[in-house]
N, C-alpha and C. Protein backbone atom coordinates (compact mmCIF):
# COMPACT_ATOMS: atom_id res chain seq x y z
N MET A 1 -9.62 -84.85 -71.98
CA MET A 1 -9.64 -83.96 -70.84
C MET A 1 -10.83 -83.03 -71.00
N THR A 2 -11.62 -82.98 -69.97
CA THR A 2 -12.85 -82.16 -70.05
C THR A 2 -12.69 -80.92 -69.21
N ASP A 3 -13.29 -79.86 -69.75
CA ASP A 3 -13.25 -78.59 -68.96
C ASP A 3 -14.15 -78.71 -67.76
N GLN A 4 -13.60 -78.24 -66.61
CA GLN A 4 -14.41 -78.26 -65.39
C GLN A 4 -14.87 -76.85 -65.05
N GLU A 5 -16.11 -76.76 -64.76
CA GLU A 5 -16.65 -75.45 -64.38
C GLU A 5 -16.20 -75.10 -62.96
N PRO A 6 -15.86 -73.81 -62.75
CA PRO A 6 -15.43 -73.42 -61.41
C PRO A 6 -16.53 -73.65 -60.39
N ASN A 7 -16.09 -74.11 -59.26
CA ASN A 7 -17.04 -74.44 -58.21
C ASN A 7 -17.35 -73.17 -57.42
N ILE A 8 -18.42 -72.50 -57.77
CA ILE A 8 -18.83 -71.24 -57.11
C ILE A 8 -20.00 -71.55 -56.23
N THR A 9 -19.81 -71.23 -54.99
CA THR A 9 -20.90 -71.48 -54.04
C THR A 9 -21.42 -70.16 -53.52
N GLU A 10 -22.68 -70.05 -53.44
CA GLU A 10 -23.33 -68.84 -52.93
C GLU A 10 -23.17 -68.80 -51.41
N PRO A 11 -22.84 -67.59 -50.83
CA PRO A 11 -22.73 -67.50 -49.38
C PRO A 11 -24.07 -67.78 -48.73
N GLN A 12 -24.02 -68.54 -47.72
CA GLN A 12 -25.21 -68.90 -47.00
C GLN A 12 -25.65 -67.73 -46.12
N PRO A 13 -26.89 -67.63 -45.81
CA PRO A 13 -27.39 -66.53 -44.95
C PRO A 13 -26.68 -66.48 -43.62
N GLN A 14 -26.26 -67.60 -43.07
CA GLN A 14 -25.57 -67.63 -41.78
C GLN A 14 -24.24 -66.92 -41.85
N GLU A 15 -23.54 -67.09 -43.03
CA GLU A 15 -22.23 -66.45 -43.19
C GLU A 15 -22.38 -64.94 -43.25
N LYS A 16 -23.46 -64.44 -43.91
CA LYS A 16 -23.69 -62.99 -43.98
C LYS A 16 -23.92 -62.42 -42.59
N GLU A 17 -24.64 -63.09 -41.78
CA GLU A 17 -24.92 -62.64 -40.42
C GLU A 17 -23.66 -62.60 -39.58
N GLU A 18 -22.78 -63.62 -39.79
CA GLU A 18 -21.52 -63.64 -39.05
C GLU A 18 -20.61 -62.49 -39.48
N ALA A 19 -20.68 -62.05 -40.73
CA ALA A 19 -19.83 -60.96 -41.23
C ALA A 19 -20.25 -59.61 -40.66
N THR A 20 -21.52 -59.44 -40.35
CA THR A 20 -22.00 -58.15 -39.81
C THR A 20 -21.75 -57.99 -38.33
N VAL A 21 -21.51 -59.10 -37.62
CA VAL A 21 -21.29 -59.05 -36.18
C VAL A 21 -20.07 -58.23 -35.81
N PRO A 22 -18.90 -58.45 -36.45
CA PRO A 22 -17.73 -57.65 -36.10
C PRO A 22 -17.93 -56.17 -36.35
N ASP A 23 -18.68 -55.77 -37.35
CA ASP A 23 -18.92 -54.34 -37.62
C ASP A 23 -19.70 -53.70 -36.48
N GLU A 24 -20.70 -54.39 -35.99
CA GLU A 24 -21.49 -53.86 -34.87
C GLU A 24 -20.64 -53.74 -33.60
N ALA A 25 -19.81 -54.75 -33.36
CA ALA A 25 -18.94 -54.71 -32.17
C ALA A 25 -17.93 -53.59 -32.28
N LEU A 26 -17.38 -53.38 -33.49
CA LEU A 26 -16.40 -52.31 -33.69
C LEU A 26 -17.04 -50.94 -33.48
N SER A 27 -18.27 -50.78 -33.98
CA SER A 27 -18.97 -49.51 -33.80
C SER A 27 -19.23 -49.23 -32.33
N LYS A 28 -19.59 -50.28 -31.60
CA LYS A 28 -19.84 -50.13 -30.17
C LYS A 28 -18.55 -49.76 -29.43
N LEU A 29 -17.46 -50.39 -29.82
CA LEU A 29 -16.16 -50.09 -29.20
C LEU A 29 -15.74 -48.64 -29.47
N ARG A 30 -16.02 -48.18 -30.69
CA ARG A 30 -15.68 -46.80 -31.02
C ARG A 30 -16.49 -45.81 -30.18
N GLN A 31 -17.76 -46.11 -29.98
CA GLN A 31 -18.59 -45.24 -29.15
C GLN A 31 -18.08 -45.20 -27.70
N GLU A 32 -17.72 -46.38 -27.19
CA GLU A 32 -17.19 -46.44 -25.82
C GLU A 32 -15.87 -45.68 -25.71
N LEU A 33 -15.04 -45.82 -26.75
CA LEU A 33 -13.75 -45.10 -26.75
C LEU A 33 -13.96 -43.60 -26.77
N GLU A 34 -14.93 -43.14 -27.57
CA GLU A 34 -15.23 -41.71 -27.65
C GLU A 34 -15.75 -41.20 -26.31
N SER A 35 -16.58 -42.02 -25.66
CA SER A 35 -17.11 -41.64 -24.35
C SER A 35 -15.98 -41.55 -23.33
N ILE A 36 -15.05 -42.49 -23.38
CA ILE A 36 -13.91 -42.49 -22.46
C ILE A 36 -13.02 -41.26 -22.69
N ARG A 37 -12.85 -40.93 -23.98
CA ARG A 37 -12.02 -39.75 -24.29
C ARG A 37 -12.67 -38.46 -23.75
N LYS A 38 -13.99 -38.34 -23.90
CA LYS A 38 -14.68 -37.16 -23.38
C LYS A 38 -14.54 -37.07 -21.86
N GLU A 39 -14.73 -38.22 -21.22
CA GLU A 39 -14.59 -38.25 -19.77
C GLU A 39 -13.17 -37.89 -19.34
N ARG A 40 -12.20 -38.39 -20.12
CA ARG A 40 -10.81 -38.06 -19.81
C ARG A 40 -10.55 -36.57 -19.95
N ASP A 41 -11.07 -35.95 -21.02
CA ASP A 41 -10.87 -34.51 -21.24
C ASP A 41 -11.52 -33.70 -20.14
N GLU A 42 -12.72 -34.12 -19.70
CA GLU A 42 -13.38 -33.42 -18.62
C GLU A 42 -12.58 -33.51 -17.32
N LEU A 43 -12.09 -34.69 -17.02
CA LEU A 43 -11.29 -34.87 -15.81
C LEU A 43 -10.00 -34.07 -15.88
N PHE A 44 -9.39 -34.06 -17.05
CA PHE A 44 -8.15 -33.30 -17.22
C PHE A 44 -8.40 -31.81 -17.05
N GLY A 45 -9.54 -31.33 -17.60
CA GLY A 45 -9.89 -29.91 -17.43
C GLY A 45 -10.12 -29.57 -15.96
N ARG A 46 -10.83 -30.46 -15.25
CA ARG A 46 -11.03 -30.23 -13.81
C ARG A 46 -9.71 -30.21 -13.06
N LEU A 47 -8.84 -31.13 -13.41
CA LEU A 47 -7.54 -31.20 -12.75
C LEU A 47 -6.74 -29.92 -12.97
N GLN A 48 -6.80 -29.39 -14.18
CA GLN A 48 -6.09 -28.13 -14.47
C GLN A 48 -6.66 -26.98 -13.65
N ARG A 49 -8.01 -26.92 -13.56
CA ARG A 49 -8.62 -25.84 -12.77
C ARG A 49 -8.28 -25.95 -11.29
N VAL A 50 -8.32 -27.19 -10.78
CA VAL A 50 -7.97 -27.40 -9.37
C VAL A 50 -6.51 -27.03 -9.11
N SER A 51 -5.64 -27.39 -10.05
CA SER A 51 -4.21 -27.06 -9.89
C SER A 51 -4.00 -25.56 -9.90
N ALA A 52 -4.72 -24.85 -10.81
CA ALA A 52 -4.59 -23.39 -10.88
C ALA A 52 -5.12 -22.74 -9.60
N ASP A 53 -6.26 -23.24 -9.11
CA ASP A 53 -6.82 -22.69 -7.86
C ASP A 53 -5.88 -22.92 -6.68
N TYR A 54 -5.26 -24.07 -6.64
CA TYR A 54 -4.35 -24.37 -5.54
C TYR A 54 -3.10 -23.50 -5.62
N ALA A 55 -2.60 -23.27 -6.86
CA ALA A 55 -1.42 -22.41 -7.02
C ALA A 55 -1.75 -20.98 -6.57
N ASN A 56 -2.95 -20.49 -6.94
CA ASN A 56 -3.36 -19.15 -6.51
C ASN A 56 -3.54 -19.10 -5.00
N PHE A 57 -4.06 -20.17 -4.43
CA PHE A 57 -4.24 -20.25 -2.98
C PHE A 57 -2.89 -20.17 -2.26
N GLN A 58 -1.91 -20.90 -2.79
CA GLN A 58 -0.57 -20.87 -2.18
C GLN A 58 0.04 -19.47 -2.24
N LYS A 59 -0.25 -18.73 -3.32
CA LYS A 59 0.29 -17.37 -3.43
C LYS A 59 -0.49 -16.39 -2.56
N ARG A 60 -1.80 -16.61 -2.46
CA ARG A 60 -2.66 -15.66 -1.76
C ARG A 60 -2.54 -15.75 -0.25
N VAL A 61 -2.45 -16.95 0.27
CA VAL A 61 -2.45 -17.14 1.73
C VAL A 61 -1.27 -16.46 2.42
N PRO A 62 -0.01 -16.66 1.93
CA PRO A 62 1.09 -15.96 2.62
C PRO A 62 0.93 -14.45 2.59
N LYS A 63 0.40 -13.89 1.48
CA LYS A 63 0.21 -12.45 1.41
C LYS A 63 -0.85 -12.00 2.41
N GLN A 64 -1.95 -12.77 2.51
CA GLN A 64 -3.00 -12.43 3.47
C GLN A 64 -2.48 -12.50 4.90
N VAL A 65 -1.70 -13.52 5.18
CA VAL A 65 -1.12 -13.65 6.53
C VAL A 65 -0.18 -12.48 6.81
N GLY A 66 0.68 -12.15 5.81
CA GLY A 66 1.61 -11.04 5.99
C GLY A 66 0.89 -9.72 6.18
N ASP A 67 -0.18 -9.48 5.40
CA ASP A 67 -0.95 -8.24 5.55
C ASP A 67 -1.63 -8.18 6.92
N SER A 68 -2.13 -9.31 7.38
CA SER A 68 -2.79 -9.35 8.68
C SER A 68 -1.80 -9.06 9.80
N VAL A 69 -0.63 -9.66 9.71
CA VAL A 69 0.41 -9.42 10.74
C VAL A 69 0.84 -7.96 10.73
N ALA A 70 1.03 -7.38 9.51
CA ALA A 70 1.45 -5.98 9.41
C ALA A 70 0.37 -5.05 9.98
N TYR A 71 -0.89 -5.38 9.71
CA TYR A 71 -1.99 -4.54 10.24
C TYR A 71 -2.01 -4.56 11.76
N GLU A 72 -1.90 -5.75 12.35
CA GLU A 72 -1.91 -5.85 13.81
C GLU A 72 -0.68 -5.17 14.41
N LYS A 73 0.44 -5.28 13.73
CA LYS A 73 1.68 -4.64 14.20
C LYS A 73 1.51 -3.12 14.22
N GLU A 74 0.98 -2.55 13.14
CA GLU A 74 0.76 -1.11 13.08
C GLU A 74 -0.25 -0.66 14.13
N LYS A 75 -1.26 -1.50 14.36
CA LYS A 75 -2.28 -1.17 15.35
C LYS A 75 -1.67 -1.05 16.74
N ILE A 76 -0.78 -1.97 17.10
CA ILE A 76 -0.11 -1.93 18.41
C ILE A 76 0.79 -0.71 18.51
N ILE A 77 1.54 -0.43 17.43
CA ILE A 77 2.46 0.70 17.45
C ILE A 77 1.70 2.01 17.58
N ARG A 78 0.58 2.14 16.87
CA ARG A 78 -0.22 3.36 16.97
C ARG A 78 -0.71 3.59 18.40
N SER A 79 -1.02 2.51 19.11
CA SER A 79 -1.50 2.64 20.49
C SER A 79 -0.39 3.14 21.43
N LEU A 80 0.87 2.98 21.02
CA LEU A 80 1.99 3.43 21.85
C LEU A 80 2.37 4.88 21.59
N LEU A 81 1.94 5.43 20.45
CA LEU A 81 2.37 6.79 20.08
C LEU A 81 1.94 7.85 21.09
N PRO A 82 0.72 7.81 21.66
CA PRO A 82 0.38 8.83 22.68
C PRO A 82 1.31 8.81 23.88
N ILE A 83 1.80 7.64 24.27
CA ILE A 83 2.76 7.57 25.38
C ILE A 83 4.05 8.28 25.01
N LEU A 84 4.52 8.03 23.79
CA LEU A 84 5.74 8.72 23.33
C LEU A 84 5.51 10.22 23.25
N ASP A 85 4.31 10.64 22.83
CA ASP A 85 4.01 12.07 22.76
C ASP A 85 4.08 12.71 24.14
N ASN A 86 3.53 12.04 25.13
CA ASN A 86 3.56 12.59 26.50
C ASN A 86 4.99 12.70 27.01
N MET A 87 5.80 11.69 26.73
CA MET A 87 7.21 11.75 27.15
C MET A 87 7.93 12.90 26.45
N ASP A 88 7.65 13.06 25.16
CA ASP A 88 8.30 14.13 24.40
C ASP A 88 7.91 15.50 24.93
N HIS A 89 6.62 15.67 25.24
CA HIS A 89 6.16 16.95 25.79
C HIS A 89 6.78 17.21 27.16
N LEU A 90 6.88 16.18 27.98
CA LEU A 90 7.48 16.34 29.30
C LEU A 90 8.95 16.76 29.19
N LEU A 91 9.68 16.13 28.28
CA LEU A 91 11.09 16.46 28.12
C LEU A 91 11.28 17.87 27.57
N LYS A 92 10.37 18.29 26.68
CA LYS A 92 10.47 19.65 26.15
C LYS A 92 10.16 20.67 27.25
N ALA A 93 9.16 20.36 28.09
CA ALA A 93 8.78 21.29 29.17
C ALA A 93 9.86 21.42 30.22
N HIS A 94 10.67 20.37 30.39
CA HIS A 94 11.74 20.39 31.40
C HIS A 94 13.11 20.31 30.73
N SER A 95 13.22 20.95 29.58
CA SER A 95 14.49 20.89 28.85
C SER A 95 15.63 21.53 29.63
N ALA A 96 15.32 22.49 30.51
CA ALA A 96 16.36 23.14 31.30
C ALA A 96 16.67 22.37 32.57
N GLU A 97 15.93 21.30 32.85
CA GLU A 97 16.13 20.56 34.09
C GLU A 97 16.49 19.10 33.80
N ARG A 98 17.34 18.88 32.83
CA ARG A 98 17.68 17.51 32.44
C ARG A 98 18.51 16.78 33.50
N THR A 99 18.90 17.52 34.56
CA THR A 99 19.72 16.88 35.60
C THR A 99 18.87 16.19 36.66
N GLY A 100 17.56 16.46 36.69
CA GLY A 100 16.70 15.85 37.70
C GLY A 100 16.57 14.35 37.45
N PRO A 101 16.47 13.55 38.53
CA PRO A 101 16.40 12.09 38.37
C PRO A 101 15.15 11.63 37.62
N VAL A 102 14.01 12.30 37.87
CA VAL A 102 12.77 11.90 37.19
C VAL A 102 12.87 12.16 35.70
N VAL A 103 13.35 13.35 35.35
CA VAL A 103 13.48 13.73 33.93
C VAL A 103 14.48 12.80 33.24
N GLN A 104 15.59 12.51 33.92
CA GLN A 104 16.58 11.60 33.35
C GLN A 104 16.00 10.21 33.14
N GLY A 105 15.19 9.74 34.10
CA GLY A 105 14.55 8.43 33.96
C GLY A 105 13.60 8.40 32.77
N VAL A 106 12.81 9.46 32.62
CA VAL A 106 11.89 9.53 31.47
C VAL A 106 12.67 9.56 30.16
N GLU A 107 13.77 10.29 30.16
CA GLU A 107 14.59 10.38 28.94
C GLU A 107 15.17 9.02 28.57
N ILE A 108 15.61 8.26 29.57
CA ILE A 108 16.17 6.92 29.30
C ILE A 108 15.09 5.98 28.75
N ILE A 109 13.91 6.00 29.37
CA ILE A 109 12.80 5.13 28.91
C ILE A 109 12.36 5.54 27.50
N TYR A 110 12.30 6.84 27.27
CA TYR A 110 11.92 7.35 25.95
C TYR A 110 12.89 6.87 24.88
N GLY A 111 14.18 6.94 25.20
CA GLY A 111 15.20 6.46 24.25
C GLY A 111 15.10 4.96 24.01
N HIS A 112 14.83 4.19 25.08
CA HIS A 112 14.69 2.74 24.93
C HIS A 112 13.49 2.40 24.04
N MET A 113 12.40 3.11 24.22
CA MET A 113 11.21 2.84 23.41
C MET A 113 11.46 3.16 21.94
N LEU A 114 12.16 4.24 21.68
CA LEU A 114 12.49 4.58 20.29
C LEU A 114 13.40 3.52 19.67
N ASP A 115 14.34 3.00 20.46
CA ASP A 115 15.23 1.95 19.95
C ASP A 115 14.46 0.67 19.63
N ILE A 116 13.51 0.33 20.51
CA ILE A 116 12.69 -0.88 20.28
C ILE A 116 11.87 -0.71 19.00
N LEU A 117 11.25 0.46 18.84
CA LEU A 117 10.45 0.71 17.65
C LEU A 117 11.33 0.70 16.40
N LYS A 118 12.54 1.22 16.52
CA LYS A 118 13.45 1.23 15.36
C LYS A 118 13.81 -0.19 14.94
N SER A 119 13.92 -1.10 15.92
CA SER A 119 14.23 -2.50 15.58
C SER A 119 13.08 -3.15 14.81
N HIS A 120 11.89 -2.55 14.88
CA HIS A 120 10.73 -3.05 14.13
C HIS A 120 10.45 -2.19 12.89
N GLY A 121 11.42 -1.39 12.50
CA GLY A 121 11.28 -0.59 11.28
C GLY A 121 10.55 0.72 11.46
N VAL A 122 10.35 1.16 12.72
CA VAL A 122 9.63 2.41 12.99
C VAL A 122 10.63 3.50 13.35
N GLU A 123 10.52 4.65 12.68
CA GLU A 123 11.42 5.79 12.94
C GLU A 123 10.62 7.07 12.98
N GLN A 124 11.17 8.05 13.71
CA GLN A 124 10.53 9.37 13.74
C GLN A 124 10.78 10.10 12.42
N ILE A 125 9.82 10.94 12.05
CA ILE A 125 9.96 11.79 10.86
C ILE A 125 10.48 13.14 11.32
N HIS A 126 11.72 13.44 10.99
CA HIS A 126 12.32 14.73 11.38
C HIS A 126 11.93 15.79 10.35
N ALA A 127 11.31 16.86 10.82
CA ALA A 127 10.77 17.86 9.90
C ALA A 127 11.33 19.26 10.11
N LEU A 128 11.91 19.53 11.29
CA LEU A 128 12.35 20.89 11.63
C LEU A 128 13.38 21.39 10.63
N GLY A 129 13.11 22.56 10.03
CA GLY A 129 14.03 23.18 9.09
C GLY A 129 13.95 22.62 7.68
N GLU A 130 13.10 21.63 7.45
CA GLU A 130 12.98 21.02 6.12
C GLU A 130 11.82 21.66 5.35
N PRO A 131 11.86 21.58 4.02
CA PRO A 131 10.71 22.08 3.24
C PRO A 131 9.45 21.28 3.57
N PHE A 132 8.33 21.98 3.57
CA PHE A 132 7.06 21.33 3.89
C PHE A 132 6.72 20.28 2.83
N ASP A 133 6.40 19.09 3.30
CA ASP A 133 6.05 17.98 2.41
C ASP A 133 4.68 17.46 2.84
N PRO A 134 3.63 17.67 2.02
CA PRO A 134 2.29 17.23 2.43
C PRO A 134 2.15 15.72 2.58
N MET A 135 3.10 14.96 2.05
CA MET A 135 3.06 13.51 2.21
C MET A 135 3.54 13.08 3.59
N ARG A 136 4.35 13.95 4.26
CA ARG A 136 4.90 13.60 5.57
C ARG A 136 4.51 14.56 6.68
N HIS A 137 3.99 15.73 6.30
CA HIS A 137 3.70 16.78 7.29
C HIS A 137 2.24 17.22 7.18
N VAL A 138 1.72 17.71 8.30
CA VAL A 138 0.40 18.35 8.35
C VAL A 138 0.60 19.73 8.96
N ALA A 139 0.29 20.77 8.18
CA ALA A 139 0.46 22.15 8.66
C ALA A 139 -0.75 22.54 9.51
N ILE A 140 -0.50 22.90 10.76
CA ILE A 140 -1.60 23.35 11.63
C ILE A 140 -1.58 24.86 11.81
N LEU A 141 -0.47 25.50 11.36
CA LEU A 141 -0.37 26.95 11.49
C LEU A 141 0.63 27.48 10.47
N LEU A 142 0.27 28.61 9.85
CA LEU A 142 1.19 29.33 8.97
C LEU A 142 1.68 30.57 9.70
N LYS A 143 2.98 30.76 9.70
CA LYS A 143 3.57 31.85 10.48
C LYS A 143 4.53 32.62 9.60
N GLU A 144 4.39 33.95 9.63
CA GLU A 144 5.28 34.80 8.84
C GLU A 144 6.61 34.94 9.56
N GLU A 145 7.67 34.56 8.88
CA GLU A 145 9.01 34.61 9.46
C GLU A 145 9.95 35.22 8.42
N PRO A 146 10.26 36.52 8.56
CA PRO A 146 11.06 37.20 7.52
C PRO A 146 12.42 36.55 7.29
N ALA A 147 12.99 35.93 8.32
CA ALA A 147 14.34 35.36 8.17
C ALA A 147 14.32 34.01 7.46
N GLU A 148 13.15 33.43 7.24
CA GLU A 148 13.05 32.11 6.61
C GLU A 148 12.35 32.20 5.26
N GLU A 149 12.68 31.25 4.41
CA GLU A 149 11.96 31.15 3.14
C GLU A 149 10.56 30.61 3.40
N ALA A 150 9.70 30.77 2.40
CA ALA A 150 8.33 30.28 2.53
C ALA A 150 8.32 28.75 2.48
N ASP A 151 7.32 28.17 3.15
CA ASP A 151 7.09 26.71 3.15
C ASP A 151 8.23 25.93 3.78
N VAL A 152 8.77 26.46 4.87
CA VAL A 152 9.79 25.76 5.65
C VAL A 152 9.21 25.46 7.03
N VAL A 153 9.47 24.28 7.55
CA VAL A 153 8.95 23.89 8.86
C VAL A 153 9.69 24.66 9.95
N LEU A 154 8.93 25.44 10.72
CA LEU A 154 9.51 26.24 11.81
C LEU A 154 9.46 25.52 13.15
N GLU A 155 8.47 24.66 13.33
CA GLU A 155 8.29 24.01 14.63
C GLU A 155 7.57 22.68 14.45
N GLU A 156 7.96 21.70 15.25
CA GLU A 156 7.27 20.41 15.29
C GLU A 156 6.34 20.40 16.50
N VAL A 157 5.05 20.38 16.26
CA VAL A 157 4.07 20.37 17.35
C VAL A 157 3.85 18.94 17.85
N GLN A 158 3.83 18.00 16.93
CA GLN A 158 3.67 16.59 17.29
C GLN A 158 4.52 15.74 16.35
N LYS A 159 5.34 14.87 16.93
CA LYS A 159 6.23 14.03 16.13
C LYS A 159 5.45 13.10 15.22
N GLY A 160 5.99 12.92 14.02
CA GLY A 160 5.43 11.94 13.10
C GLY A 160 6.30 10.69 13.07
N TYR A 161 5.72 9.60 12.60
CA TYR A 161 6.44 8.32 12.56
C TYR A 161 6.18 7.62 11.23
N ARG A 162 7.16 6.86 10.80
CA ARG A 162 7.01 6.06 9.59
C ARG A 162 7.48 4.64 9.88
N ILE A 163 6.93 3.69 9.15
CA ILE A 163 7.30 2.29 9.30
C ILE A 163 7.66 1.75 7.91
N ASN A 164 8.90 1.32 7.79
CA ASN A 164 9.39 0.77 6.52
C ASN A 164 9.12 1.72 5.35
N ASP A 165 9.49 2.99 5.54
CA ASP A 165 9.34 4.04 4.53
C ASP A 165 7.89 4.36 4.19
N ARG A 166 6.94 3.93 5.01
CA ARG A 166 5.54 4.28 4.83
C ARG A 166 5.11 5.11 6.04
N VAL A 167 4.42 6.21 5.78
CA VAL A 167 4.03 7.12 6.86
C VAL A 167 2.99 6.45 7.75
N LEU A 168 3.34 6.35 9.02
CA LEU A 168 2.42 5.80 10.01
C LEU A 168 1.55 6.92 10.59
N ARG A 169 2.19 8.06 10.85
CA ARG A 169 1.47 9.25 11.29
C ARG A 169 2.28 10.47 10.85
N PRO A 170 1.68 11.42 10.14
CA PRO A 170 2.44 12.59 9.70
C PRO A 170 2.79 13.52 10.86
N THR A 171 3.83 14.31 10.68
CA THR A 171 4.24 15.26 11.70
C THR A 171 3.37 16.51 11.62
N ARG A 172 2.86 16.96 12.75
CA ARG A 172 2.08 18.20 12.82
C ARG A 172 3.05 19.35 13.03
N VAL A 173 3.01 20.34 12.12
CA VAL A 173 4.07 21.35 12.09
C VAL A 173 3.50 22.76 11.93
N VAL A 174 4.37 23.72 12.27
CA VAL A 174 4.14 25.13 11.96
C VAL A 174 5.03 25.48 10.78
N VAL A 175 4.44 26.11 9.77
CA VAL A 175 5.15 26.35 8.51
C VAL A 175 5.25 27.84 8.26
N SER A 176 6.40 28.26 7.71
CA SER A 176 6.59 29.67 7.38
C SER A 176 5.81 30.02 6.12
N LYS A 177 5.38 31.26 6.06
CA LYS A 177 4.67 31.73 4.87
C LYS A 177 5.36 32.98 4.34
N ALA A 178 5.11 33.26 3.09
CA ALA A 178 5.72 34.43 2.47
C ALA A 178 5.17 35.69 3.12
N PRO A 179 6.03 36.70 3.37
CA PRO A 179 5.55 37.94 3.99
C PRO A 179 4.52 38.64 3.09
N VAL A 180 3.52 39.19 3.73
CA VAL A 180 2.48 39.90 2.98
C VAL A 180 2.99 41.27 2.60
N PRO A 181 2.99 41.60 1.31
CA PRO A 181 3.50 42.94 0.93
C PRO A 181 2.58 44.03 1.45
N ARG A 182 3.17 45.06 2.07
CA ARG A 182 2.40 46.18 2.60
C ARG A 182 2.40 47.31 1.58
N PRO A 183 1.27 47.99 1.47
CA PRO A 183 1.21 49.11 0.49
C PRO A 183 2.19 50.20 0.87
N SER A 184 2.96 50.65 -0.13
CA SER A 184 3.96 51.70 0.13
C SER A 184 3.29 53.06 0.18
N GLN A 185 3.84 53.95 1.03
CA GLN A 185 3.30 55.30 1.16
C GLN A 185 3.80 56.14 -0.03
N PRO A 186 2.91 56.90 -0.65
CA PRO A 186 3.36 57.76 -1.78
C PRO A 186 4.36 58.80 -1.28
N GLN A 187 5.35 59.11 -2.11
CA GLN A 187 6.41 60.04 -1.73
C GLN A 187 5.89 61.48 -1.68
N ASN A 188 5.18 61.91 -2.74
CA ASN A 188 4.69 63.29 -2.79
C ASN A 188 3.19 63.29 -2.63
N GLN A 189 2.72 63.81 -1.53
CA GLN A 189 1.28 63.89 -1.29
C GLN A 189 0.82 65.31 -1.55
N GLU A 190 -0.30 65.45 -2.25
CA GLU A 190 -0.87 66.76 -2.52
C GLU A 190 -1.55 67.26 -1.25
N PRO A 191 -1.45 68.51 -0.97
CA PRO A 191 -2.08 69.03 0.25
C PRO A 191 -3.58 68.83 0.21
N ASN A 192 -4.15 68.54 1.36
CA ASN A 192 -5.59 68.37 1.46
C ASN A 192 -6.29 69.71 1.32
N GLU A 193 -7.59 69.63 0.96
CA GLU A 193 -8.38 70.84 0.83
C GLU A 193 -8.48 71.54 2.18
N GLY A 194 -8.33 72.81 2.16
CA GLY A 194 -8.40 73.54 3.42
C GLY A 194 -7.08 73.70 4.09
N THR A 195 -6.01 73.01 3.55
CA THR A 195 -4.69 73.13 4.16
C THR A 195 -3.96 74.24 3.46
N PRO A 196 -3.46 75.19 4.15
CA PRO A 196 -2.81 76.33 3.47
C PRO A 196 -1.54 75.88 2.75
N GLY A 197 -1.35 76.45 1.55
CA GLY A 197 -0.16 76.14 0.78
C GLY A 197 1.00 77.02 1.22
N LYS A 198 2.09 76.92 0.43
CA LYS A 198 3.29 77.68 0.81
C LYS A 198 3.07 79.16 0.65
N GLY A 199 2.23 79.55 -0.34
CA GLY A 199 2.06 81.00 -0.59
C GLY A 199 1.02 81.60 0.30
N ASP A 200 0.28 80.82 1.03
CA ASP A 200 -0.77 81.38 1.89
C ASP A 200 -0.18 81.92 3.16
N THR A 201 -0.78 82.97 3.69
CA THR A 201 -0.29 83.56 4.91
C THR A 201 -1.33 83.37 6.01
């Protein structure tokens, strides 16, 4: 029995070339995969930004619409206030003649208008006899009234209105002020020069 040498064959150049082909293809696939991942991340980032912008848009639009409607509503109501002022002045001027048909008609219309405004959240600001509040009142005159405390509304010159607890127009009022102290007369006055005293004859 003879020893046989192992049959070792050297790799041919063609086999080496075939072995390098898969490495190049794998490297190319990895590059394409990395490019796809970057593109995916960019698209996902854009999608997130678009979604956030759309969510903000959905929140912003109803508020803008609501603010616009409220602004137009207040604008219309403000245009009606001079009419209410004229009715109020007429009723005050004819307060002793409430039995006349014209005055009664104005009073009915005035009441209807106030009811309509109230249904839209608009109410008059009642100030008479209340402490002066610069957030709801505008003082056009200070008047000394000994029977009243200082800073109390004595008279409503022009009615104020509020809408949904927000001042639409402040009430123009006359406000009491503290009485001004007057200098007291001295009890014992010394006689003036040239005035005869008790002992003079």
